[in-house]
C-alpha atoms as a PDB file:
ATOM      1  CA  MET A   1     -62.603 -61.699  76.682  1.00  0.00           C
ATOM      2  CA  THR A   2     -65.300 -59.102  75.617  1.00  0.00           C
ATOM      3  CA  GLY A   3     -66.543 -58.276  72.322  1.00  0.00           C
ATOM      4  CA  ALA A   4     -65.445 -54.811  72.050  1.00  0.00           C
ATOM      5  CA  GLU A   5     -62.617 -53.702  69.584  1.00  0.00           C
ATOM      6  CA  ARG A   6     -61.305 -51.020  71.880  1.00  0.00           C
ATOM      7  CA  HIS A   7     -61.136 -50.387  75.529  1.00  0.00           C
ATOM      8  CA  LEU A   8     -60.750 -47.275  77.568  1.00  0.00           C
ATOM      9  CA  TYR A   9     -59.644 -47.420  81.183  1.00  0.00           C
ATOM     10  CA  ILE A  10     -60.070 -44.476  83.504  1.00  0.00           C
ATOM     11  CA  TRP A  11     -58.972 -43.816  86.983  1.00  0.00           C
ATOM     12  CA  ASN A  12     -57.592 -41.050  88.778  1.00  0.00           C
ATOM     13  CA  GLY A  13     -55.502 -38.639  86.525  1.00  0.00           C
ATOM     14  CA  SER A  14     -54.958 -41.698  84.452  1.00  0.00           C
ATOM     15  CA  VAL A  15     -56.525 -43.170  80.941  1.00  0.00           C
ATOM     16  CA  LEU A  16     -55.198 -46.010  78.963  1.00  0.00           C
ATOM     17  CA  TYR A  17     -56.769 -46.459  75.705  1.00  0.00           C
ATOM     18  CA  VAL A  18     -56.340 -49.698  73.576  1.00  0.00           C
ATOM     19  CA  THR A  19     -57.162 -49.791  70.241  1.00  0.00           C
ATOM     20  CA  PRO A  20     -56.237 -51.665  66.969  1.00  0.00           C
ATOM     21  CA  SER A  21     -56.300 -48.430  64.903  1.00  0.00           C
ATOM     22  CA  ASN A  22     -55.807 -44.898  65.667  1.00  0.00           C
ATOM     23  CA  VAL A  23     -56.269 -41.509  63.832  1.00  0.00           C
ATOM     24  CA  ALA A  24     -56.741 -38.307  65.112  1.00  0.00           C
ATOM     25  CA  GLU A  25     -57.020 -34.702  63.187  1.00  0.00           C
ATOM     26  CA  LEU A  26     -54.750 -31.858  64.378  1.00  0.00           C
ATOM     27  CA  HIS A  27     -55.502 -31.175  68.445  1.00  0.00           C
ATOM     28  CA  ALA A  28     -53.929 -30.588  71.680  1.00  0.00           C
ATOM     29  CA  HIS A  29     -55.028 -31.757  74.938  1.00  0.00           C
ATOM     30  CA  TYR A  30     -53.868 -30.879  78.524  1.00  0.00           C
ATOM     31  CA  ALA A  31     -52.810 -34.642  79.459  1.00  0.00           C
ATOM     32  CA  CYS A  32     -49.358 -36.017  78.358  1.00  0.00           C
ATOM     33  CA  SER A  33     -49.494 -38.886  76.119  1.00  0.00           C
ATOM     34  CA  ILE A  34     -47.491 -42.027  75.793  1.00  0.00           C
ATOM     35  CA  LEU A  35     -48.235 -43.718  72.570  1.00  0.00           C
ATOM     36  CA  LEU A  36     -47.132 -47.444  72.048  1.00  0.00           C
ATOM     37  CA  ALA A  37     -47.431 -49.491  69.158  1.00  0.00           C
ATOM     38  CA  CYS A  38     -47.714 -53.336  68.876  1.00  0.00           C
ATOM     39  CA  ASP A  39     -46.256 -54.417  65.494  1.00  0.00           C
ATOM     40  CA  ARG A  40     -46.666 -51.474  63.048  1.00  0.00           C
ATOM     41  CA  ASP A  41     -45.463 -47.682  63.245  1.00  0.00           C
ATOM     42  CA  PHE A  42     -47.506 -44.755  63.444  1.00  0.00           C
ATOM     43  CA  GLU A  43     -47.151 -41.158  62.156  1.00  0.00           C
ATOM     44  CA  ILE A  44     -47.257 -37.913  64.345  1.00  0.00           C
ATOM     45  CA  HIS A  45     -47.219 -34.772  62.470  1.00  0.00           C
ATOM     46  CA  SER A  46     -46.521 -31.821  64.858  1.00  0.00           C
ATOM     47  CA  ALA A  47     -44.463 -28.499  64.878  1.00  0.00           C
ATOM     48  CA  PHE A  48     -41.354 -30.965  65.581  1.00  0.00           C
ATOM     49  CA  GLY A  49     -42.031 -32.333  61.866  1.00  0.00           C
ATOM     50  CA  SER A  50     -43.387 -35.623  60.575  1.00  0.00           C
ATOM     51  CA  VAL A  51     -41.902 -38.486  62.687  1.00  0.00           C
ATOM     52  CA  ARG A  52     -42.556 -42.517  61.954  1.00  0.00           C
ATOM     53  CA  THR A  53     -42.166 -44.532  64.927  1.00  0.00           C
ATOM     54  CA  SER A  54     -43.457 -47.311  67.260  1.00  0.00           C
ATOM     55  CA  ALA A  55     -43.373 -45.451  70.480  1.00  0.00           C
ATOM     56  CA  ALA A  56     -43.478 -41.786  71.727  1.00  0.00           C
ATOM     57  CA  ILE A  57     -44.245 -39.159  74.427  1.00  0.00           C
ATOM     58  CA  LEU A  58     -46.224 -36.320  73.546  1.00  0.00           C
ATOM     59  CA  GLY A  59     -45.856 -33.321  76.227  1.00  0.00           C
ATOM     60  CA  PRO A  60     -49.076 -31.384  77.622  1.00  0.00           C
ATOM     61  CA  ASN A  61     -50.942 -29.012  75.225  1.00  0.00           C
ATOM     62  CA  LEU A  62     -48.670 -30.364  72.113  1.00  0.00           C
ATOM     63  CA  GLU A  63     -50.514 -29.736  68.793  1.00  0.00           C
ATOM     64  CA  HIS A  64     -50.666 -32.883  66.977  1.00  0.00           C
ATOM     65  CA  GLU A  65     -52.146 -35.069  64.401  1.00  0.00           C
ATOM     66  CA  LEU A  66     -51.977 -38.932  64.721  1.00  0.00           C
ATOM     67  CA  ARG A  67     -51.936 -41.318  61.745  1.00  0.00           C
ATOM     68  CA  GLY A  68     -52.140 -44.986  62.568  1.00  0.00           C
ATOM     69  CA  GLU A  69     -54.944 -46.489  60.394  1.00  0.00           C
ATOM     70  CA  THR A  70     -53.652 -49.958  60.735  1.00  0.00           C
ATOM     71  CA  CYS A  71     -51.441 -49.650  63.948  1.00  0.00           C
ATOM     72  CA  ALA A  72     -52.791 -51.497  66.782  1.00  0.00           C
ATOM     73  CA  MET A  73     -51.735 -49.592  69.859  1.00  0.00           C
ATOM     74  CA  ALA A  74     -52.101 -48.258  73.503  1.00  0.00           C
ATOM     75  CA  VAL A  75     -52.380 -44.607  74.272  1.00  0.00           C
ATOM     76  CA  LEU A  76     -51.635 -43.725  78.230  1.00  0.00           C
ATOM     77  CA  GLN A  77     -52.365 -40.375  79.327  1.00  0.00           C
ATOM     78  CA  LEU A  78     -51.682 -38.993  82.514  1.00  0.00           C
ATOM     79  CA  ASP A  79     -52.199 -35.610  84.404  1.00  0.00           C
ATOM     80  CA  PRO A  80     -49.177 -33.226  84.313  1.00  0.00           C
ATOM     81  CA  ASP A  81     -50.221 -32.345  87.898  1.00  0.00           C
ATOM     82  CA  SER A  82     -49.757 -35.934  88.730  1.00  0.00           C
ATOM     83  CA  HIS A  83     -46.668 -37.575  90.577  1.00  0.00           C
ATOM     84  CA  GLN A  84     -46.313 -39.877  87.832  1.00  0.00           C
ATOM     85  CA  TYR A  85     -45.389 -37.289  85.270  1.00  0.00           C
ATOM     86  CA  SER A  86     -42.083 -36.674  86.955  1.00  0.00           C
ATOM     87  CA  ARG A  87     -40.909 -39.601  85.429  1.00  0.00           C
ATOM     88  CA  VAL A  88     -42.021 -38.581  82.246  1.00  0.00           C
ATOM     89  CA  ALA A  89     -40.641 -35.001  82.324  1.00  0.00           C
ATOM     90  CA  ALA A  90     -37.419 -36.401  83.019  1.00  0.00           C
ATOM     91  CA  ILE A  91     -37.076 -37.594  79.640  1.00  0.00           C
ATOM     92  CA  LEU A  92     -39.044 -34.762  78.006  1.00  0.00           C
ATOM     93  CA  LYS A  93     -36.770 -32.333  79.595  1.00  0.00           C
ATOM     94  CA  ASP A  94     -37.569 -28.858  78.048  1.00  0.00           C
ATOM     95  CA  GLU A  95     -39.233 -30.210  74.770  1.00  0.00           C
ATOM     96  CA  SER A  96     -42.946 -31.218  74.100  1.00  0.00           C
ATOM     97  CA  PHE A  97     -42.154 -34.293  71.981  1.00  0.00           C
ATOM     98  CA  CYS A  98     -39.818 -37.374  71.950  1.00  0.00           C
ATOM     99  CA  ALA A  99     -39.768 -40.501  69.722  1.00  0.00           C
ATOM    100  CA  LEU A 100     -38.521 -43.582  71.812  1.00  0.00           C
ATOM    101  CA  ASP A 101     -36.948 -46.599  70.817  1.00  0.00           C
ATOM    102  CA  GLY A 102     -39.711 -49.340  70.785  1.00  0.00           C
ATOM    103  CA  GLY A 103     -37.215 -51.960  71.940  1.00  0.00           C
ATOM    104  CA  ARG A 104     -37.406 -50.607  75.426  1.00  0.00           C
ATOM    105  CA  PHE A 105     -41.125 -51.794  75.710  1.00  0.00           C
ATOM    106  CA  GLU A 106     -40.748 -55.172  74.713  1.00  0.00           C
ATOM    107  CA  PRO A 107     -41.238 -56.583  78.162  1.00  0.00           C
ATOM    108  CA  VAL A 108     -44.848 -55.046  78.084  1.00  0.00           C
ATOM    109  CA  LEU A 109     -45.717 -56.012  74.488  1.00  0.00           C
ATOM    110  CA  GLY A 110     -47.300 -59.356  75.416  1.00  0.00           C
ATOM    111  CA  THR A 111     -49.674 -57.450  77.914  1.00  0.00           C
ATOM    112  CA  LEU A 112     -50.677 -54.963  75.144  1.00  0.00           C
ATOM    113  CA  ARG A 113     -51.445 -58.055  72.956  1.00  0.00           C
ATOM    114  CA  SER A 114     -53.678 -59.504  75.642  1.00  0.00           C
ATOM    115  CA  ALA A 115     -55.407 -55.932  76.098  1.00  0.00           C
ATOM    116  CA  LEU A 116     -56.100 -55.865  72.482  1.00  0.00           C
ATOM    117  CA  ARG A 117     -57.685 -59.267  72.798  1.00  0.00           C
ATOM    118  CA  GLY A 118     -59.877 -57.752  75.533  1.00  0.00           C
ATOM    119  CA  ASP A 119     -58.261 -59.837  78.049  1.00  0.00           C
ATOM    120  CA  LEU A 120     -57.370 -56.955  80.522  1.00  0.00           C
ATOM    121  CA  ASP A 121     -59.535 -55.979  83.416  1.00  0.00           C
ATOM    122  CA  CYS A 122     -58.972 -53.097  85.569  1.00  0.00           C
ATOM    123  CA  LEU A 123     -56.330 -54.268  87.876  1.00  0.00           C
ATOM    124  CA  GLY A 124     -54.307 -55.597  84.652  1.00  0.00           C
ATOM    125  CA  ALA A 125     -54.654 -52.134  83.147  1.00  0.00           C
ATOM    126  CA  ARG A 126     -53.057 -50.286  86.133  1.00  0.00           C
ATOM    127  CA  GLN A 127     -50.380 -52.886  86.272  1.00  0.00           C
ATOM    128  CA  PHE A 128     -49.477 -52.502  82.482  1.00  0.00           C
ATOM    129  CA  PHE A 129     -49.654 -48.608  83.039  1.00  0.00           C
ATOM    130  CA  ALA A 130     -47.251 -48.950  85.769  1.00  0.00           C
ATOM    131  CA  ALA A 131     -45.001 -51.375  83.746  1.00  0.00           C
ATOM    132  CA  VAL A 132     -44.941 -49.012  80.753  1.00  0.00           C
ATOM    133  CA  LEU A 133     -43.496 -46.109  83.097  1.00  0.00           C
ATOM    134  CA  ASN A 134     -40.812 -48.545  84.292  1.00  0.00           C
ATOM    135  CA  CYS A 135     -39.763 -49.012  80.814  1.00  0.00           C
ATOM    136  CA  LEU A 136     -39.099 -45.500  80.592  1.00  0.00           C
ATOM    137  CA  GLY A 137     -36.213 -45.520  83.165  1.00  0.00           C
ATOM    138  CA  PRO A 138     -34.217 -47.994  85.372  1.00  0.00           C
ATOM    139  CA  THR A 139     -35.875 -51.153  86.544  1.00  0.00           C
ATOM    140  CA  ARG A 140     -37.027 -50.744  90.034  1.00  0.00           C
ATOM    141  CA  GLN A 141     -38.554 -53.018  92.558  1.00  0.00           C
ATOM    142  CA  GLU A 142     -42.448 -52.320  92.706  1.00  0.00           C
ATOM    143  CA  GLN A 143     -43.799 -52.038  96.184  1.00  0.00           C
ATOM    144  CA  GLU A 144     -47.290 -51.985  97.435  1.00  0.00           C
ATOM    145  CA  PRO A 145     -48.580 -48.477  97.786  1.00  0.00           C
ATOM    146  CA  PRO A 146     -49.214 -47.507 101.549  1.00  0.00           C
ATOM    147  CA  PRO A 147     -52.848 -47.554 102.741  1.00  0.00           C
ATOM    148  CA  LEU A 148     -54.435 -44.123 102.433  1.00  0.00           C
ATOM    149  CA  ASP A 149     -54.363 -41.695 105.154  1.00  0.00           C
ATOM    150  CA  PRO A 150     -57.865 -42.416 106.935  1.00  0.00           C
ATOM    151  CA  ARG A 151     -58.812 -38.743 106.742  1.00  0.00           C
ATOM    152  CA  ILE A 152     -58.130 -38.528 103.004  1.00  0.00           C
ATOM    153  CA  ALA A 153     -59.995 -42.086 102.523  1.00  0.00           C
ATOM    154  CA  SER A 154     -63.102 -40.518 104.552  1.00  0.00           C
ATOM    155  CA  ILE A 155     -63.306 -37.580 102.278  1.00  0.00           C
ATOM    156  CA  LEU A 156     -63.243 -39.426  99.167  1.00  0.00           C
ATOM    157  CA  ASP A 157     -65.613 -41.812 100.297  1.00  0.00           C
ATOM    158  CA  ASP A 158     -68.057 -38.882 100.721  1.00  0.00           C
ATOM    159  CA  LEU A 159     -66.914 -37.109  97.489  1.00  0.00           C
ATOM    160  CA  ARG A 160     -67.523 -40.547  95.453  1.00  0.00           C
ATOM    161  CA  ARG A 161     -71.056 -41.359  97.222  1.00  0.00           C
ATOM    162  CA  ASP A 162     -72.393 -37.527  96.728  1.00  0.00           C
ATOM    163  CA  LEU A 163     -70.184 -35.236  94.568  1.00  0.00           C
ATOM    164  CA  PRO A 164     -71.641 -31.811  95.087  1.00  0.00           C
ATOM    165  CA  ASP A 165     -71.785 -28.937  92.608  1.00  0.00           C
ATOM    166  CA  SER A 166     -69.367 -26.920  94.627  1.00  0.00           C
ATOM    167  CA  VAL A 167     -66.579 -28.171  97.219  1.00  0.00           C
ATOM    168  CA  MET A 168     -65.347 -25.596 100.294  1.00  0.00           C
ATOM    169  CA  VAL A 169     -62.228 -26.656 101.099  1.00  0.00           C
ATOM    170  CA  GLU A 170     -62.285 -25.037 104.500  1.00  0.00           C
ATOM    171  CA  GLU A 171     -65.167 -27.195 105.442  1.00  0.00           C
ATOM    172  CA  ILE A 172     -64.079 -30.453 104.025  1.00  0.00           C
ATOM    173  CA  ALA A 173     -60.667 -29.814 105.803  1.00  0.00           C
ATOM    174  CA  GLY A 174     -62.537 -28.944 108.794  1.00  0.00           C
ATOM    175  CA  ASP A 175     -64.434 -32.214 108.823  1.00  0.00           C
ATOM    176  CA  VAL A 176     -61.140 -34.342 109.286  1.00  0.00           C
ATOM    177  CA  GLY A 177     -59.559 -31.925 111.657  1.00  0.00           C
ATOM    178  CA  LEU A 178     -57.091 -30.329 109.349  1.00  0.00           C
ATOM    179  CA  SER A 179     -56.400 -26.533 108.032  1.00  0.00           C
ATOM    180  CA  PRO A 180     -57.007 -25.905 104.338  1.00  0.00           C
ATOM    181  CA  SER A 181     -53.165 -25.637 103.459  1.00  0.00           C
ATOM    182  CA  ARG A 182     -52.565 -28.716 105.330  1.00  0.00           C
ATOM    183  CA  PHE A 183     -55.222 -30.495 103.901  1.00  0.00           C
ATOM    184  CA  MET A 184     -54.644 -29.647 100.333  1.00  0.00           C
ATOM    185  CA  HIS A 185     -50.998 -30.651 100.785  1.00  0.00           C
ATOM    186  CA  LEU A 186     -51.788 -34.078 102.297  1.00  0.00           C
ATOM    187  CA  PHE A 187     -54.449 -34.699  99.590  1.00  0.00           C
ATOM    188  CA  LYS A 188     -51.773 -34.025  96.790  1.00  0.00           C
ATOM    189  CA  GLN A 189     -49.367 -36.286  98.826  1.00  0.00           C
ATOM    190  CA  GLU A 190     -52.023 -39.219  99.061  1.00  0.00           C
ATOM    191  CA  MET A 191     -53.592 -38.836  95.928  1.00  0.00           C
ATOM    192  CA  GLY A 192     -50.784 -37.877  93.402  1.00  0.00           C
ATOM    193  CA  LEU A 193     -52.703 -34.928  91.983  1.00  0.00           C
ATOM    194  CA  PRO A 194     -54.331 -31.698  93.687  1.00  0.00           C
ATOM    195  CA  LEU A 195     -57.880 -31.586  94.703  1.00  0.00           C
ATOM    196  CA  ARG A 196     -59.180 -29.459  91.737  1.00  0.00           C
ATOM    197  CA  ARG A 197     -57.705 -31.765  89.268  1.00  0.00           C
ATOM    198  CA  TYR A 198     -59.399 -35.042  91.281  1.00  0.00           C
ATOM    199  CA  LEU A 199     -62.871 -33.397  91.417  1.00  0.00           C
ATOM    200  CA  LEU A 200     -62.513 -32.744  87.739  1.00  0.00           C
ATOM    201  CA  TRP A 201     -61.630 -36.281  86.938  1.00  0.00           C
ATOM    202  CA  LEU A 202     -64.676 -37.441  89.132  1.00  0.00           C
ATOM    203  CA  ARG A 203     -67.205 -35.179  87.424  1.00  0.00           C
ATOM    204  CA  LEU A 204     -65.893 -36.574  83.812  1.00  0.00           C
ATOM    205  CA  ARG A 205     -66.111 -39.989  85.436  1.00  0.00           C
ATOM    206  CA  ARG A 206     -69.626 -39.645  86.434  1.00  0.00           C
ATOM    207  CA  SER A 207     -70.479 -38.099  82.944  1.00  0.00           C
ATOM    208  CA  ALA A 208     -68.967 -40.867  81.237  1.00  0.00           C
ATOM    209  CA  LEU A 209     -70.785 -43.476  83.359  1.00  0.00           C
ATOM    210  CA  LEU A 210     -74.374 -41.994  82.953  1.00  0.00           C
ATOM    211  CA  MET A 211     -73.944 -41.623  79.153  1.00  0.00           C
ATOM    212  CA  LYS A 212     -72.983 -45.052  78.833  1.00  0.00           C
ATOM    213  CA  GLN A 213     -76.310 -45.990  80.647  1.00  0.00           C
ATOM    214  CA  GLY A 214     -78.251 -43.941  78.018  1.00  0.00           C
ATOM    215  CA  ILE A 215     -78.677 -40.614  79.187  1.00  0.00           C
ATOM    216  CA  THR A 216     -78.234 -37.641  76.864  1.00  0.00           C
ATOM    217  CA  LEU A 217     -75.136 -35.382  76.792  1.00  0.00           C
ATOM    218  CA  THR A 218     -77.209 -32.325  78.310  1.00  0.00           C
ATOM    219  CA  GLU A 219     -78.346 -34.516  81.035  1.00  0.00           C
ATOM    220  CA  ALA A 220     -75.051 -36.255  81.998  1.00  0.00           C
ATOM    221  CA  ALA A 221     -73.446 -32.826  81.851  1.00  0.00           C
ATOM    222  CA  HIS A 222     -75.872 -31.046  84.438  1.00  0.00           C
ATOM    223  CA  ALA A 223     -75.723 -34.211  86.708  1.00  0.00           C
ATOM    224  CA  ALA A 224     -72.197 -34.209  86.673  1.00  0.00           C
ATOM    225  CA  GLY A 225     -71.728 -30.398  87.675  1.00  0.00           C
ATOM    226  CA  PHE A 226     -70.929 -28.814  84.541  1.00  0.00           C
ATOM    227  CA  SER A 227     -72.414 -25.688  83.468  1.00  0.00           C
ATOM    228  CA  ASP A 228     -74.010 -27.375  79.904  1.00  0.00           C
ATOM    229  CA  SER A 229     -73.274 -30.013  77.441  1.00  0.00           C
ATOM    230  CA  ALA A 230     -70.926 -27.402  75.665  1.00  0.00           C
ATOM    231  CA  HIS A 231     -68.888 -27.263  79.027  1.00  0.00           C
ATOM    232  CA  LEU A 232     -68.625 -30.913  79.245  1.00  0.00           C
ATOM    233  CA  SER A 233     -67.608 -31.280  75.414  1.00  0.00           C
ATOM    234  CA  ARG A 234     -65.075 -28.869  75.647  1.00  0.00           C
ATOM    235  CA  THR A 235     -63.437 -30.124  78.908  1.00  0.00           C
ATOM    236  CA  PHE A 236     -63.696 -34.054  77.678  1.00  0.00           C
ATOM    237  CA  LYS A 237     -61.759 -32.694  74.545  1.00  0.00           C
ATOM    238  CA  GLU A 238     -59.368 -30.841  76.490  1.00  0.00           C
ATOM    239  CA  MET A 239     -58.388 -33.749  78.326  1.00  0.00           C
ATOM    240  CA  PHE A 240     -58.596 -36.786  75.867  1.00  0.00           C
ATOM    241  CA  GLY A 241     -58.120 -34.867  72.283  1.00  0.00           C
ATOM    242  CA  ILE A 242     -61.467 -36.370  71.190  1.00  0.00           C
ATOM    243  CA  PRO A 243     -65.138 -35.561  71.965  1.00  0.00           C
ATOM    244  CA  PRO A 244     -67.040 -37.633  74.443  1.00  0.00           C
ATOM    245  CA  SER A 245     -69.428 -39.144  71.405  1.00  0.00           C
ATOM    246  CA  TYR A 246     -66.435 -40.723  69.910  1.00  0.00           C
ATOM    247  CA  PHE A 247     -66.018 -43.006  73.280  1.00  0.00           C
ATOM    248  CA  LEU A 248     -69.491 -42.889  74.551  1.00  0.00           C
ATOM    249  CA  GLY A 249     -71.958 -42.763  71.769  1.00  0.00           C
ATOM    250  CA  LYS A 250     -74.037 -45.452  70.634  1.00  0.00           C
ATOM    251  CA  GLY A 251     -72.343 -47.999  68.582  1.00  0.00           C
ATOM    252  CA  SER A 252     -68.905 -46.392  69.292  1.00  0.00           C
ATOM    253  CA  GLY A 253     -67.511 -50.009  69.862  1.00  0.00           C
ATOM    254  CA  VAL A 254     -65.456 -48.839  72.922  1.00  0.00           C
ATOM    255  CA  GLN A 255     -65.991 -50.660  75.984  1.00  0.00           C
ATOM    256  CA  VAL A 256     -65.441 -47.901  79.137  1.00  0.00           C
ATOM    257  CA  TRP A 257     -63.792 -49.308  82.318  1.00  0.00           C
ATOM    258  CA  PHE A 258     -63.968 -47.306  85.550  1.00  0.00           C
ATOM    259  CA  CYS A 259     -61.055 -48.595  87.503  1.00  0.00           C
ATOM    260  CA  ASP A 260     -60.796 -46.110  90.591  1.00  0.00           C
END
């Protein structure tokens, strides 16, 4: 069990944020969000009106305001370019917002309460994320994912060890004996999101890790390959709806977990 009140778990194309309360002014972000309350309802204000609910899906780029001052909840965010998004899109159809019956999430509420106590590690966070997605549709037998294609695994090792300022697809594809088009197809097939999105997640991950270690926003931006601190802040807010200082500043009360 940890002493932090809020927990932010980050891995490839996915974010899980667990908090005893949540308030956000009018904003929009690229990621799709699934909001799940533990015991009390929250309010969402958007172009669809004001809705009070215990669970909802917010589509990508939906301008919204969240009011959950006394609402313990989980916020799951997933990249619209990821394979996982297809399950959410099937519910949204052509809409950008969908309130859900909280009862369908009853099987995962015990885990959510554990997460709120700080009892969830990275493995548990990823399992919880998958379980919530399973609650969106018919129950399916979960299977262990197959091992990564060794060519993609080799590239990932290189990128995680030494992320360059720019990546030449032709060069890294050639390193593993593939054409650029075949490499890009295989990468998305194996990782669930395109290379460009994966690289952005890597840069955000690196900047977040550096800021948690105490370096400044500007230093973290340059070290992670962003042009300046404004570029990093803008990208972070586009992805998460909240500036990096909220999660990563001193005294934020947020424990950040890097789970990839």
